[in-house]
C-alpha cells in the first residue's frame, strides 16, 4: 500500500524477481480503512503496467483487488501470470472471483489477524466447490507457486520431505514425486540456488 506499483523502480524490481523465479505479492485494491495516500497507490488500474511489462514474473494480487475486485478479475484473461489471493472479500465478491478466475490461479488467504481464519474457512464452506478445486485453492496452488515442499525441507535442516502431488499439478518446477533433503538447511539451499555467487 505504501509503494507505487506503477513506478519505474517497482516495474524494474518486479522484472528482476521474475528473472530469479520469485513471485511478487502485492496488496491490490483499496479496502476502505487505509490512509488516503495508500488508497491512491492501491487502485487496481495502477498494477496493470507492471504486470503487462513483466510477463515472466508471477504476480499475486492480494485481496483480489478488494473493493475493486471486479476490475482485478479482468486481469485473469489478459495476464496468465496473475494469481488471486482470496482474503478481504465478502461472500458475494468471493463467489464472483471464484466463478471468474481459473481455479489453478486462486489462493486461499485470511488477512489474519484482521480477520479470523475460521471466518474465511466458513466462506470457503459456503461455496459449492468440487473437492479437487477446494484442495487446489486451500493448499495445492500455493504449494506449487511457492514451492512449499522444498521450503519445509530447507527450513528444517536434515528433514526429509517426500513430496507427491496430482499429476495434473506437476510442471517443470513442481515434480509429481520427489524427495527433498537439505542436511545443512538453508545454507545448502542457497548454495544450490546461487552457486558461489555472493
N, C-alpha and C. Protein backbone atom coordinates (compact mmCIF):
# COMPACT_ATOMS: atom_id res chain seq x y z
N UNK A 1 0.81 -1.20 0.00
CA UNK A 1 0.00 0.00 0.00
C UNK A 1 0.85 1.25 0.00
N UNK A 2 2.09 1.15 0.40
CA UNK A 2 2.91 2.34 0.56
C UNK A 2 3.97 2.49 -0.52
N UNK A 3 3.88 1.69 -1.58
CA UNK A 3 4.73 1.89 -2.75
C UNK A 3 3.82 2.03 -3.96
N UNK A 4 4.31 2.71 -4.96
CA UNK A 4 3.53 2.87 -6.19
C UNK A 4 3.80 1.67 -7.09
N UNK A 5 2.78 0.87 -7.37
CA UNK A 5 3.02 -0.33 -8.18
C UNK A 5 3.41 -0.03 -9.62
N UNK A 6 3.13 1.19 -10.08
CA UNK A 6 3.46 1.54 -11.46
C UNK A 6 4.70 2.42 -11.57
N UNK A 7 5.43 2.62 -10.48
CA UNK A 7 6.66 3.40 -10.51
C UNK A 7 7.73 2.63 -11.30
N UNK A 8 8.58 3.33 -12.02
CA UNK A 8 9.60 2.68 -12.85
C UNK A 8 10.48 1.73 -12.02
N UNK A 9 10.81 2.11 -10.80
CA UNK A 9 11.64 1.23 -9.97
C UNK A 9 10.89 -0.04 -9.57
N UNK A 10 9.60 0.07 -9.33
CA UNK A 10 8.80 -1.11 -9.00
C UNK A 10 8.73 -2.04 -10.20
N UNK A 11 8.50 -1.46 -11.38
CA UNK A 11 8.45 -2.27 -12.61
C UNK A 11 9.77 -3.03 -12.78
N UNK A 12 10.88 -2.33 -12.59
CA UNK A 12 12.20 -2.94 -12.74
C UNK A 12 12.43 -4.05 -11.71
N UNK A 13 12.13 -3.76 -10.45
CA UNK A 13 12.32 -4.74 -9.38
C UNK A 13 11.49 -6.00 -9.63
N UNK A 14 10.26 -5.82 -10.07
CA UNK A 14 9.40 -6.97 -10.35
C UNK A 14 9.97 -7.81 -11.50
N UNK A 15 10.58 -7.15 -12.47
CA UNK A 15 11.24 -7.88 -13.55
C UNK A 15 12.40 -8.71 -13.03
N UNK A 16 13.17 -8.15 -12.13
CA UNK A 16 14.29 -8.89 -11.52
C UNK A 16 13.78 -10.08 -10.73
N UNK A 17 12.67 -9.91 -10.03
CA UNK A 17 12.08 -11.04 -9.30
C UNK A 17 11.72 -12.16 -10.26
N UNK A 18 11.13 -11.81 -11.39
CA UNK A 18 10.78 -12.82 -12.39
C UNK A 18 12.00 -13.55 -12.92
N UNK A 19 13.10 -12.83 -13.12
CA UNK A 19 14.34 -13.47 -13.58
C UNK A 19 14.85 -14.50 -12.58
N UNK A 20 14.57 -14.28 -11.32
CA UNK A 20 15.02 -15.19 -10.25
C UNK A 20 13.96 -16.25 -9.90
N UNK A 21 12.82 -16.20 -10.59
CA UNK A 21 11.77 -17.17 -10.31
C UNK A 21 11.01 -16.88 -9.02
N UNK A 22 11.05 -15.63 -8.58
CA UNK A 22 10.36 -15.25 -7.34
C UNK A 22 9.03 -14.59 -7.65
N UNK A 23 7.93 -15.11 -7.12
CA UNK A 23 6.64 -14.43 -7.32
C UNK A 23 6.59 -13.14 -6.51
N UNK A 24 5.78 -12.21 -6.97
CA UNK A 24 5.60 -10.92 -6.30
C UNK A 24 4.18 -10.85 -5.75
N UNK A 25 4.06 -10.59 -4.46
CA UNK A 25 2.76 -10.42 -3.82
C UNK A 25 2.52 -8.94 -3.59
N UNK A 26 1.45 -8.42 -4.14
CA UNK A 26 1.03 -7.04 -3.94
C UNK A 26 -0.25 -6.99 -3.12
N UNK A 27 -0.33 -6.04 -2.20
CA UNK A 27 -1.65 -5.67 -1.67
C UNK A 27 -2.31 -4.96 -2.84
N UNK A 28 -3.43 -5.44 -3.29
CA UNK A 28 -4.03 -4.91 -4.51
C UNK A 28 -5.45 -4.46 -4.23
N UNK A 29 -5.70 -3.18 -4.45
CA UNK A 29 -7.04 -2.64 -4.29
C UNK A 29 -7.24 -2.00 -2.93
N UNK A 30 -8.03 -0.95 -2.92
CA UNK A 30 -8.34 -0.29 -1.65
C UNK A 30 -9.30 -1.13 -0.81
N UNK A 31 -9.14 -1.04 0.51
CA UNK A 31 -10.02 -1.79 1.41
C UNK A 31 -10.93 -0.87 2.22
N UNK A 32 -10.66 0.44 2.15
CA UNK A 32 -11.55 1.40 2.81
C UNK A 32 -11.09 1.85 4.19
N UNK A 33 -9.98 1.30 4.69
CA UNK A 33 -9.51 1.71 6.02
C UNK A 33 -8.09 2.26 5.98
N UNK A 34 -7.49 2.30 4.79
CA UNK A 34 -6.11 2.75 4.66
C UNK A 34 -6.04 4.27 4.57
N UNK A 35 -4.86 4.86 4.83
CA UNK A 35 -4.68 6.30 4.63
C UNK A 35 -4.93 6.66 3.16
N UNK A 36 -5.23 7.93 2.91
CA UNK A 36 -5.56 8.37 1.54
C UNK A 36 -4.45 8.06 0.54
N UNK A 37 -3.19 8.28 0.94
CA UNK A 37 -2.08 8.02 0.02
C UNK A 37 -2.03 6.54 -0.35
N UNK A 38 -2.26 5.67 0.62
CA UNK A 38 -2.25 4.23 0.34
C UNK A 38 -3.43 3.85 -0.54
N UNK A 39 -4.56 4.47 -0.34
CA UNK A 39 -5.73 4.20 -1.18
C UNK A 39 -5.45 4.60 -2.63
N UNK A 40 -4.76 5.72 -2.82
CA UNK A 40 -4.40 6.15 -4.19
C UNK A 40 -3.45 5.15 -4.84
N UNK A 41 -2.46 4.70 -4.07
CA UNK A 41 -1.46 3.79 -4.63
C UNK A 41 -2.02 2.40 -4.92
N UNK A 42 -3.05 1.99 -4.20
CA UNK A 42 -3.54 0.62 -4.34
C UNK A 42 -4.68 0.47 -5.34
N UNK A 43 -4.97 1.51 -6.11
CA UNK A 43 -6.01 1.41 -7.14
C UNK A 43 -5.61 0.33 -8.15
N UNK A 44 -6.52 -0.56 -8.46
CA UNK A 44 -6.22 -1.71 -9.31
C UNK A 44 -5.59 -1.30 -10.64
N UNK A 45 -6.06 -0.24 -11.24
CA UNK A 45 -5.54 0.17 -12.55
C UNK A 45 -4.03 0.45 -12.51
N UNK A 46 -3.49 0.77 -11.32
CA UNK A 46 -2.07 1.10 -11.22
C UNK A 46 -1.17 -0.13 -11.27
N UNK A 47 -1.73 -1.32 -11.18
CA UNK A 47 -0.92 -2.55 -11.21
C UNK A 47 -0.70 -3.06 -12.63
N UNK A 48 -1.53 -2.62 -13.55
CA UNK A 48 -1.51 -3.22 -14.88
C UNK A 48 -0.19 -3.01 -15.61
N UNK A 49 0.39 -1.85 -15.53
CA UNK A 49 1.65 -1.60 -16.25
C UNK A 49 2.72 -2.60 -15.81
N UNK A 50 2.88 -2.77 -14.52
CA UNK A 50 3.92 -3.65 -14.00
C UNK A 50 3.66 -5.09 -14.42
N UNK A 51 2.42 -5.53 -14.37
CA UNK A 51 2.07 -6.89 -14.78
C UNK A 51 2.31 -7.06 -16.28
N UNK A 52 1.85 -6.11 -17.07
CA UNK A 52 1.98 -6.19 -18.53
C UNK A 52 3.45 -6.19 -18.95
N UNK A 53 4.28 -5.36 -18.32
CA UNK A 53 5.68 -5.23 -18.73
C UNK A 53 6.57 -6.36 -18.20
N UNK A 54 6.02 -7.22 -17.36
CA UNK A 54 6.81 -8.31 -16.78
C UNK A 54 6.07 -9.64 -16.94
N UNK A 55 5.90 -10.10 -18.18
CA UNK A 55 5.13 -11.34 -18.39
C UNK A 55 5.79 -12.58 -17.81
N UNK A 56 7.08 -12.51 -17.51
CA UNK A 56 7.78 -13.66 -16.93
C UNK A 56 7.79 -13.65 -15.41
N UNK A 57 7.15 -12.66 -14.82
CA UNK A 57 7.04 -12.58 -13.36
C UNK A 57 5.63 -13.00 -12.98
N UNK A 58 5.52 -13.81 -11.95
CA UNK A 58 4.21 -14.20 -11.43
C UNK A 58 3.81 -13.20 -10.37
N UNK A 59 2.60 -12.68 -10.49
CA UNK A 59 2.07 -11.70 -9.54
C UNK A 59 0.90 -12.30 -8.78
N UNK A 60 0.91 -12.12 -7.47
CA UNK A 60 -0.22 -12.50 -6.63
C UNK A 60 -0.91 -11.21 -6.22
N UNK A 61 -2.16 -11.07 -6.61
CA UNK A 61 -2.93 -9.88 -6.27
C UNK A 61 -3.62 -10.13 -4.93
N UNK A 62 -2.99 -9.62 -3.88
CA UNK A 62 -3.55 -9.78 -2.54
C UNK A 62 -4.93 -9.15 -2.46
N UNK A 63 -5.86 -9.86 -1.90
CA UNK A 63 -7.25 -9.42 -1.75
C UNK A 63 -8.01 -9.40 -3.08
N UNK A 64 -7.39 -9.91 -4.14
CA UNK A 64 -8.05 -9.94 -5.47
C UNK A 64 -8.62 -8.59 -5.88
N UNK A 65 -7.96 -7.53 -5.44
CA UNK A 65 -8.44 -6.19 -5.78
C UNK A 65 -9.34 -5.57 -4.72
N UNK A 66 -9.69 -6.34 -3.68
CA UNK A 66 -10.52 -5.86 -2.56
C UNK A 66 -11.80 -5.19 -3.07
N UNK A 67 -11.98 -3.93 -2.76
CA UNK A 67 -13.21 -3.24 -3.16
C UNK A 67 -13.32 -3.05 -4.68
N UNK A 68 -12.21 -3.28 -5.37
CA UNK A 68 -12.20 -3.19 -6.84
C UNK A 68 -11.97 -4.57 -7.48
N UNK A 69 -12.46 -5.61 -6.82
CA UNK A 69 -12.27 -6.97 -7.32
C UNK A 69 -12.80 -7.12 -8.74
N UNK A 70 -13.89 -6.42 -9.06
CA UNK A 70 -14.48 -6.53 -10.40
C UNK A 70 -13.52 -6.04 -11.48
N UNK A 71 -12.66 -5.09 -11.15
CA UNK A 71 -11.64 -4.64 -12.10
C UNK A 71 -10.47 -5.63 -12.14
N UNK A 72 -10.08 -6.13 -10.98
CA UNK A 72 -8.92 -7.02 -10.91
C UNK A 72 -9.16 -8.33 -11.66
N UNK A 73 -10.36 -8.88 -11.56
CA UNK A 73 -10.58 -10.19 -12.19
C UNK A 73 -10.51 -10.10 -13.71
N UNK A 74 -10.58 -8.91 -14.27
CA UNK A 74 -10.39 -8.77 -15.72
C UNK A 74 -8.95 -9.11 -16.13
N UNK A 75 -8.02 -8.99 -15.17
CA UNK A 75 -6.62 -9.34 -15.45
C UNK A 75 -6.47 -10.84 -15.71
N UNK A 76 -7.38 -11.65 -15.18
CA UNK A 76 -7.25 -13.11 -15.31
C UNK A 76 -7.18 -13.54 -16.77
N UNK A 77 -8.00 -12.93 -17.63
CA UNK A 77 -7.99 -13.27 -19.05
C UNK A 77 -6.79 -12.67 -19.78
N UNK A 78 -6.41 -11.46 -19.40
CA UNK A 78 -5.34 -10.75 -20.10
C UNK A 78 -3.95 -11.19 -19.72
N UNK A 79 -3.78 -11.61 -18.45
CA UNK A 79 -2.44 -11.87 -17.93
C UNK A 79 -2.39 -13.22 -17.21
N UNK A 80 -1.89 -14.24 -17.90
CA UNK A 80 -1.81 -15.56 -17.26
C UNK A 80 -0.79 -15.62 -16.13
N UNK A 81 -0.03 -14.55 -15.94
CA UNK A 81 0.96 -14.51 -14.85
C UNK A 81 0.37 -13.91 -13.57
N UNK A 82 -0.95 -13.83 -13.49
CA UNK A 82 -1.59 -13.30 -12.27
C UNK A 82 -2.30 -14.40 -11.50
N UNK A 83 -2.11 -14.36 -10.18
CA UNK A 83 -2.84 -15.21 -9.24
C UNK A 83 -3.68 -14.29 -8.37
N UNK A 84 -4.71 -14.83 -7.76
CA UNK A 84 -5.65 -14.03 -6.99
C UNK A 84 -5.79 -14.62 -5.59
N UNK A 85 -5.39 -13.84 -4.59
CA UNK A 85 -5.49 -14.25 -3.19
C UNK A 85 -6.86 -13.82 -2.69
N UNK A 86 -7.53 -14.68 -1.94
CA UNK A 86 -8.97 -14.55 -1.70
C UNK A 86 -9.39 -13.87 -0.40
N UNK A 87 -8.48 -13.28 0.35
CA UNK A 87 -8.91 -12.66 1.61
C UNK A 87 -9.52 -11.29 1.38
N UNK A 88 -10.19 -10.79 2.39
CA UNK A 88 -10.73 -9.43 2.41
C UNK A 88 -11.89 -9.24 1.43
N UNK A 89 -12.54 -10.33 1.08
CA UNK A 89 -13.68 -10.26 0.17
C UNK A 89 -14.93 -10.71 0.92
N UNK A 90 -16.04 -10.06 0.65
CA UNK A 90 -17.32 -10.55 1.15
C UNK A 90 -17.71 -11.80 0.39
N UNK A 91 -18.72 -12.49 0.88
CA UNK A 91 -19.10 -13.77 0.28
C UNK A 91 -19.51 -13.62 -1.19
N UNK A 92 -20.29 -12.59 -1.53
CA UNK A 92 -20.71 -12.42 -2.92
C UNK A 92 -19.52 -12.11 -3.83
N UNK A 93 -18.60 -11.26 -3.36
CA UNK A 93 -17.40 -10.96 -4.15
C UNK A 93 -16.54 -12.21 -4.30
N UNK A 94 -16.41 -12.98 -3.23
CA UNK A 94 -15.65 -14.23 -3.27
C UNK A 94 -16.23 -15.17 -4.32
N UNK A 95 -17.55 -15.28 -4.33
CA UNK A 95 -18.20 -16.15 -5.33
C UNK A 95 -17.88 -15.69 -6.75
N UNK A 96 -17.92 -14.38 -6.98
CA UNK A 96 -17.66 -13.88 -8.32
C UNK A 96 -16.21 -14.12 -8.74
N UNK A 97 -15.28 -13.92 -7.84
CA UNK A 97 -13.87 -14.17 -8.15
C UNK A 97 -13.68 -15.65 -8.47
N UNK A 98 -14.20 -16.53 -7.63
CA UNK A 98 -14.05 -17.98 -7.82
C UNK A 98 -14.71 -18.44 -9.11
N UNK A 99 -15.82 -17.83 -9.47
CA UNK A 99 -16.52 -18.20 -10.71
C UNK A 99 -15.83 -17.68 -11.97
N UNK A 100 -15.00 -16.64 -11.83
CA UNK A 100 -14.40 -15.97 -12.98
C UNK A 100 -12.96 -16.39 -13.25
N UNK A 101 -12.17 -16.52 -12.20
CA UNK A 101 -10.73 -16.78 -12.34
C UNK A 101 -10.49 -18.29 -12.40
N UNK A 102 -9.59 -18.74 -13.28
CA UNK A 102 -9.28 -20.18 -13.32
C UNK A 102 -8.85 -20.69 -11.93
N UNK A 103 -9.35 -21.85 -11.57
CA UNK A 103 -9.12 -22.41 -10.24
C UNK A 103 -7.64 -22.53 -9.91
N UNK A 104 -6.81 -22.85 -10.90
CA UNK A 104 -5.39 -23.07 -10.61
C UNK A 104 -4.64 -21.77 -10.33
N UNK A 105 -5.36 -20.63 -10.36
CA UNK A 105 -4.73 -19.34 -10.05
C UNK A 105 -5.40 -18.65 -8.85
N UNK A 106 -6.08 -19.42 -8.03
CA UNK A 106 -6.73 -18.90 -6.83
C UNK A 106 -5.99 -19.39 -5.59
N UNK A 107 -5.75 -18.48 -4.65
CA UNK A 107 -5.02 -18.81 -3.43
C UNK A 107 -5.84 -18.40 -2.21
N UNK A 108 -6.08 -19.35 -1.35
CA UNK A 108 -6.78 -19.07 -0.09
C UNK A 108 -5.93 -18.13 0.76
N UNK A 109 -6.58 -17.19 1.42
CA UNK A 109 -5.93 -16.29 2.35
C UNK A 109 -6.94 -15.79 3.36
N UNK A 110 -6.44 -15.23 4.47
CA UNK A 110 -7.36 -14.83 5.54
C UNK A 110 -7.23 -13.38 5.96
N UNK A 111 -6.12 -12.73 5.67
CA UNK A 111 -5.84 -11.37 6.17
C UNK A 111 -5.74 -11.36 7.70
N UNK A 112 -5.37 -12.50 8.27
CA UNK A 112 -5.18 -12.60 9.71
C UNK A 112 -4.06 -11.65 10.12
N UNK A 113 -4.12 -10.95 11.20
CA UNK A 113 -5.06 -11.05 12.31
C UNK A 113 -6.28 -10.13 12.19
N UNK A 114 -6.39 -9.43 11.06
CA UNK A 114 -7.54 -8.53 10.91
C UNK A 114 -8.83 -9.33 10.85
N UNK A 115 -8.81 -10.44 10.16
CA UNK A 115 -9.97 -11.33 10.09
C UNK A 115 -9.55 -12.70 10.62
N UNK A 116 -10.49 -13.43 11.17
CA UNK A 116 -10.15 -14.74 11.72
C UNK A 116 -10.04 -15.78 10.62
N UNK A 117 -9.19 -16.75 10.84
CA UNK A 117 -9.06 -17.83 9.87
C UNK A 117 -10.36 -18.61 9.76
N UNK A 118 -11.06 -18.76 10.86
CA UNK A 118 -12.31 -19.51 10.86
C UNK A 118 -13.34 -18.89 9.93
N UNK A 119 -13.41 -17.55 9.93
CA UNK A 119 -14.43 -16.89 9.10
C UNK A 119 -14.19 -17.17 7.61
N UNK A 120 -12.93 -17.18 7.18
CA UNK A 120 -12.67 -17.44 5.77
C UNK A 120 -12.85 -18.90 5.41
N UNK A 121 -12.57 -19.80 6.35
CA UNK A 121 -12.86 -21.21 6.08
C UNK A 121 -14.36 -21.42 5.97
N UNK A 122 -15.14 -20.69 6.77
CA UNK A 122 -16.60 -20.78 6.66
C UNK A 122 -17.05 -20.28 5.29
N UNK A 123 -16.45 -19.18 4.81
CA UNK A 123 -16.77 -18.69 3.47
C UNK A 123 -16.48 -19.78 2.43
N UNK A 124 -15.34 -20.43 2.56
CA UNK A 124 -15.00 -21.48 1.60
C UNK A 124 -16.01 -22.62 1.66
N UNK A 125 -16.49 -22.92 2.86
CA UNK A 125 -17.51 -23.97 3.02
C UNK A 125 -18.83 -23.60 2.35
N UNK A 126 -19.10 -22.30 2.23
CA UNK A 126 -20.34 -21.84 1.62
C UNK A 126 -20.33 -21.97 0.09
N UNK A 127 -19.15 -22.14 -0.47
CA UNK A 127 -19.05 -22.23 -1.93
C UNK A 127 -19.26 -23.68 -2.37
N UNK A 128 -20.10 -23.90 -3.36
CA UNK A 128 -20.32 -25.27 -3.86
C UNK A 128 -19.18 -25.69 -4.78
N UNK A 129 -18.08 -26.13 -4.17
CA UNK A 129 -16.89 -26.46 -4.93
C UNK A 129 -16.64 -27.96 -4.97
N UNK A 130 -16.18 -28.48 -6.10
CA UNK A 130 -15.69 -29.86 -6.10
C UNK A 130 -14.49 -29.97 -5.15
N UNK A 131 -14.30 -31.12 -4.57
CA UNK A 131 -13.21 -31.32 -3.61
C UNK A 131 -11.86 -30.97 -4.21
N UNK A 132 -11.63 -31.31 -5.47
CA UNK A 132 -10.34 -31.02 -6.10
C UNK A 132 -10.10 -29.51 -6.20
N UNK A 133 -11.14 -28.74 -6.52
CA UNK A 133 -11.00 -27.28 -6.61
C UNK A 133 -10.72 -26.69 -5.23
N UNK A 134 -11.43 -27.17 -4.24
CA UNK A 134 -11.22 -26.69 -2.87
C UNK A 134 -9.79 -26.98 -2.41
N UNK A 135 -9.31 -28.20 -2.65
CA UNK A 135 -7.94 -28.56 -2.27
C UNK A 135 -6.93 -27.69 -3.00
N UNK A 136 -7.19 -27.41 -4.27
CA UNK A 136 -6.28 -26.56 -5.04
C UNK A 136 -6.21 -25.17 -4.43
N UNK A 137 -7.35 -24.59 -4.11
CA UNK A 137 -7.38 -23.23 -3.56
C UNK A 137 -6.79 -23.16 -2.16
N UNK A 138 -7.09 -24.17 -1.34
CA UNK A 138 -6.64 -24.15 0.05
C UNK A 138 -5.16 -24.47 0.21
N UNK A 139 -4.58 -25.27 -0.69
CA UNK A 139 -3.19 -25.64 -0.49
C UNK A 139 -2.39 -25.85 -1.77
N UNK A 140 -2.90 -26.66 -2.69
CA UNK A 140 -2.07 -27.13 -3.79
C UNK A 140 -1.54 -26.00 -4.67
N UNK A 141 -2.34 -24.98 -4.95
CA UNK A 141 -1.85 -23.87 -5.77
C UNK A 141 -0.71 -23.13 -5.09
N UNK A 142 -0.85 -22.89 -3.79
CA UNK A 142 0.22 -22.21 -3.05
C UNK A 142 1.45 -23.09 -2.95
N UNK A 143 1.26 -24.39 -2.74
CA UNK A 143 2.40 -25.30 -2.66
C UNK A 143 3.20 -25.28 -3.96
N UNK A 144 2.50 -25.24 -5.08
CA UNK A 144 3.16 -25.20 -6.38
C UNK A 144 3.84 -23.85 -6.60
N UNK A 145 3.12 -22.77 -6.37
CA UNK A 145 3.65 -21.44 -6.64
C UNK A 145 4.85 -21.09 -5.75
N UNK A 146 4.73 -21.39 -4.47
CA UNK A 146 5.77 -21.01 -3.51
C UNK A 146 6.74 -22.14 -3.20
N UNK A 147 6.58 -23.28 -3.91
CA UNK A 147 7.47 -24.43 -3.72
C UNK A 147 7.57 -24.80 -2.25
N UNK A 148 6.41 -24.98 -1.63
CA UNK A 148 6.35 -25.18 -0.19
C UNK A 148 7.02 -26.45 0.29
N UNK A 149 6.98 -27.51 -0.49
CA UNK A 149 7.64 -28.74 -0.04
C UNK A 149 9.14 -28.52 0.11
N UNK A 150 9.74 -27.85 -0.85
CA UNK A 150 11.17 -27.55 -0.77
C UNK A 150 11.47 -26.65 0.42
N UNK A 151 10.63 -25.64 0.64
CA UNK A 151 10.92 -24.70 1.72
C UNK A 151 10.88 -25.39 3.07
N UNK A 152 9.97 -26.33 3.26
CA UNK A 152 9.95 -27.06 4.54
C UNK A 152 11.23 -27.86 4.71
N UNK A 153 11.73 -28.42 3.61
CA UNK A 153 12.95 -29.22 3.70
C UNK A 153 14.15 -28.38 4.06
N UNK A 154 14.28 -27.19 3.49
CA UNK A 154 15.48 -26.41 3.81
C UNK A 154 15.33 -25.58 5.07
N UNK A 155 14.13 -25.31 5.51
CA UNK A 155 13.97 -24.58 6.76
C UNK A 155 14.23 -25.46 7.99
N UNK A 156 14.11 -26.76 7.80
CA UNK A 156 14.35 -27.70 8.90
C UNK A 156 15.49 -28.62 8.47
N UNK A 157 16.73 -28.22 8.80
CA UNK A 157 17.92 -28.95 8.38
C UNK A 157 17.79 -30.43 8.71
N UNK A 158 18.11 -31.25 7.70
CA UNK A 158 18.13 -32.68 7.89
C UNK A 158 16.79 -33.37 7.72
N UNK A 159 15.71 -32.64 7.64
CA UNK A 159 14.39 -33.24 7.47
C UNK A 159 14.25 -33.76 6.04
N UNK A 160 13.66 -34.91 5.90
CA UNK A 160 13.41 -35.47 4.58
C UNK A 160 11.92 -35.30 4.28
N UNK A 161 11.64 -34.64 3.17
CA UNK A 161 10.26 -34.44 2.73
C UNK A 161 10.02 -35.31 1.52
N UNK A 162 9.01 -36.17 1.60
CA UNK A 162 8.62 -37.00 0.46
C UNK A 162 7.39 -36.35 -0.17
N UNK A 163 7.61 -35.75 -1.30
CA UNK A 163 6.59 -34.95 -1.98
C UNK A 163 5.86 -35.80 -3.01
N UNK A 164 4.56 -35.63 -3.05
CA UNK A 164 3.76 -36.26 -4.09
C UNK A 164 2.56 -35.36 -4.34
N UNK A 165 2.26 -35.10 -5.60
CA UNK A 165 1.07 -34.31 -5.92
C UNK A 165 0.40 -34.92 -7.14
N UNK A 166 -0.79 -34.45 -7.39
CA UNK A 166 -1.55 -34.93 -8.54
C UNK A 166 -0.76 -34.64 -9.82
N UNK A 167 -0.76 -35.58 -10.74
CA UNK A 167 -0.02 -35.42 -11.99
C UNK A 167 -0.45 -34.16 -12.74
N UNK A 168 -1.71 -33.78 -12.61
CA UNK A 168 -2.21 -32.58 -13.31
C UNK A 168 -1.57 -31.30 -12.78
N UNK A 169 -1.01 -31.34 -11.57
CA UNK A 169 -0.37 -30.16 -10.99
C UNK A 169 1.13 -30.12 -11.25
N UNK A 170 1.69 -31.22 -11.73
CA UNK A 170 3.12 -31.29 -11.97
C UNK A 170 3.52 -30.38 -13.13
N UNK A 171 4.74 -29.86 -13.03
CA UNK A 171 5.29 -29.00 -14.08
C UNK A 171 6.81 -29.10 -14.02
N UNK A 172 7.47 -28.25 -14.79
CA UNK A 172 8.94 -28.23 -14.73
C UNK A 172 9.43 -27.87 -13.33
N UNK A 173 8.68 -27.02 -12.64
CA UNK A 173 9.08 -26.57 -11.31
C UNK A 173 8.51 -27.43 -10.19
N UNK A 174 7.48 -28.19 -10.47
CA UNK A 174 6.80 -28.99 -9.44
C UNK A 174 6.77 -30.44 -9.90
N UNK A 175 7.61 -31.28 -9.28
CA UNK A 175 7.60 -32.68 -9.68
C UNK A 175 6.36 -33.40 -9.16
N UNK A 176 5.94 -34.44 -9.86
CA UNK A 176 4.83 -35.25 -9.37
C UNK A 176 5.24 -35.99 -8.10
N UNK A 177 6.51 -36.42 -8.05
CA UNK A 177 7.06 -37.08 -6.86
C UNK A 177 8.52 -36.67 -6.71
N UNK A 178 8.95 -36.49 -5.46
CA UNK A 178 10.34 -36.15 -5.20
C UNK A 178 10.64 -36.33 -3.71
N UNK A 179 11.91 -36.43 -3.41
CA UNK A 179 12.37 -36.43 -2.02
C UNK A 179 13.29 -35.23 -1.88
N UNK A 180 13.00 -34.37 -0.93
CA UNK A 180 13.80 -33.18 -0.68
C UNK A 180 14.50 -33.32 0.67
N UNK A 181 15.80 -33.07 0.68
CA UNK A 181 16.52 -33.07 1.94
C UNK A 181 17.73 -32.15 1.80
N UNK A 182 17.87 -31.26 2.76
CA UNK A 182 18.98 -30.34 2.81
C UNK A 182 19.64 -30.51 4.18
N UNK A 183 20.67 -31.36 4.30
CA UNK A 183 21.28 -31.61 5.61
C UNK A 183 21.76 -30.34 6.30
N UNK A 184 22.24 -29.37 5.50
CA UNK A 184 22.71 -28.11 6.08
C UNK A 184 21.65 -27.03 6.11
N UNK A 185 20.41 -27.40 5.81
CA UNK A 185 19.32 -26.44 5.88
C UNK A 185 19.39 -25.36 4.82
N UNK A 186 19.09 -24.14 5.23
CA UNK A 186 19.02 -23.01 4.31
C UNK A 186 20.34 -22.77 3.59
N UNK A 187 21.46 -22.99 4.26
CA UNK A 187 22.76 -22.79 3.61
C UNK A 187 22.91 -23.69 2.39
N UNK A 188 22.48 -24.95 2.50
CA UNK A 188 22.54 -25.87 1.36
C UNK A 188 21.63 -25.39 0.23
N UNK A 189 20.45 -24.95 0.59
CA UNK A 189 19.51 -24.47 -0.43
C UNK A 189 20.07 -23.25 -1.16
N UNK A 190 20.64 -22.30 -0.42
CA UNK A 190 21.20 -21.11 -1.06
C UNK A 190 22.36 -21.47 -1.97
N UNK A 191 23.19 -22.41 -1.55
CA UNK A 191 24.30 -22.86 -2.39
C UNK A 191 23.76 -23.48 -3.68
N UNK A 192 22.70 -24.27 -3.56
CA UNK A 192 22.10 -24.88 -4.75
C UNK A 192 21.53 -23.82 -5.68
N UNK A 193 20.90 -22.80 -5.14
CA UNK A 193 20.26 -21.76 -5.94
C UNK A 193 21.26 -20.75 -6.51
N UNK A 194 22.23 -20.37 -5.70
CA UNK A 194 23.12 -19.27 -6.09
C UNK A 194 24.52 -19.70 -6.51
N UNK A 195 24.87 -20.93 -6.21
CA UNK A 195 26.22 -21.39 -6.52
C UNK A 195 27.21 -20.64 -5.63
N UNK A 196 28.25 -20.14 -6.27
CA UNK A 196 29.29 -19.45 -5.50
C UNK A 196 29.09 -17.93 -5.46
N UNK A 197 28.00 -17.45 -6.09
CA UNK A 197 27.76 -16.00 -6.07
C UNK A 197 27.53 -15.53 -4.65
N UNK A 198 27.90 -14.30 -4.39
CA UNK A 198 27.67 -13.73 -3.06
C UNK A 198 26.60 -12.69 -3.12
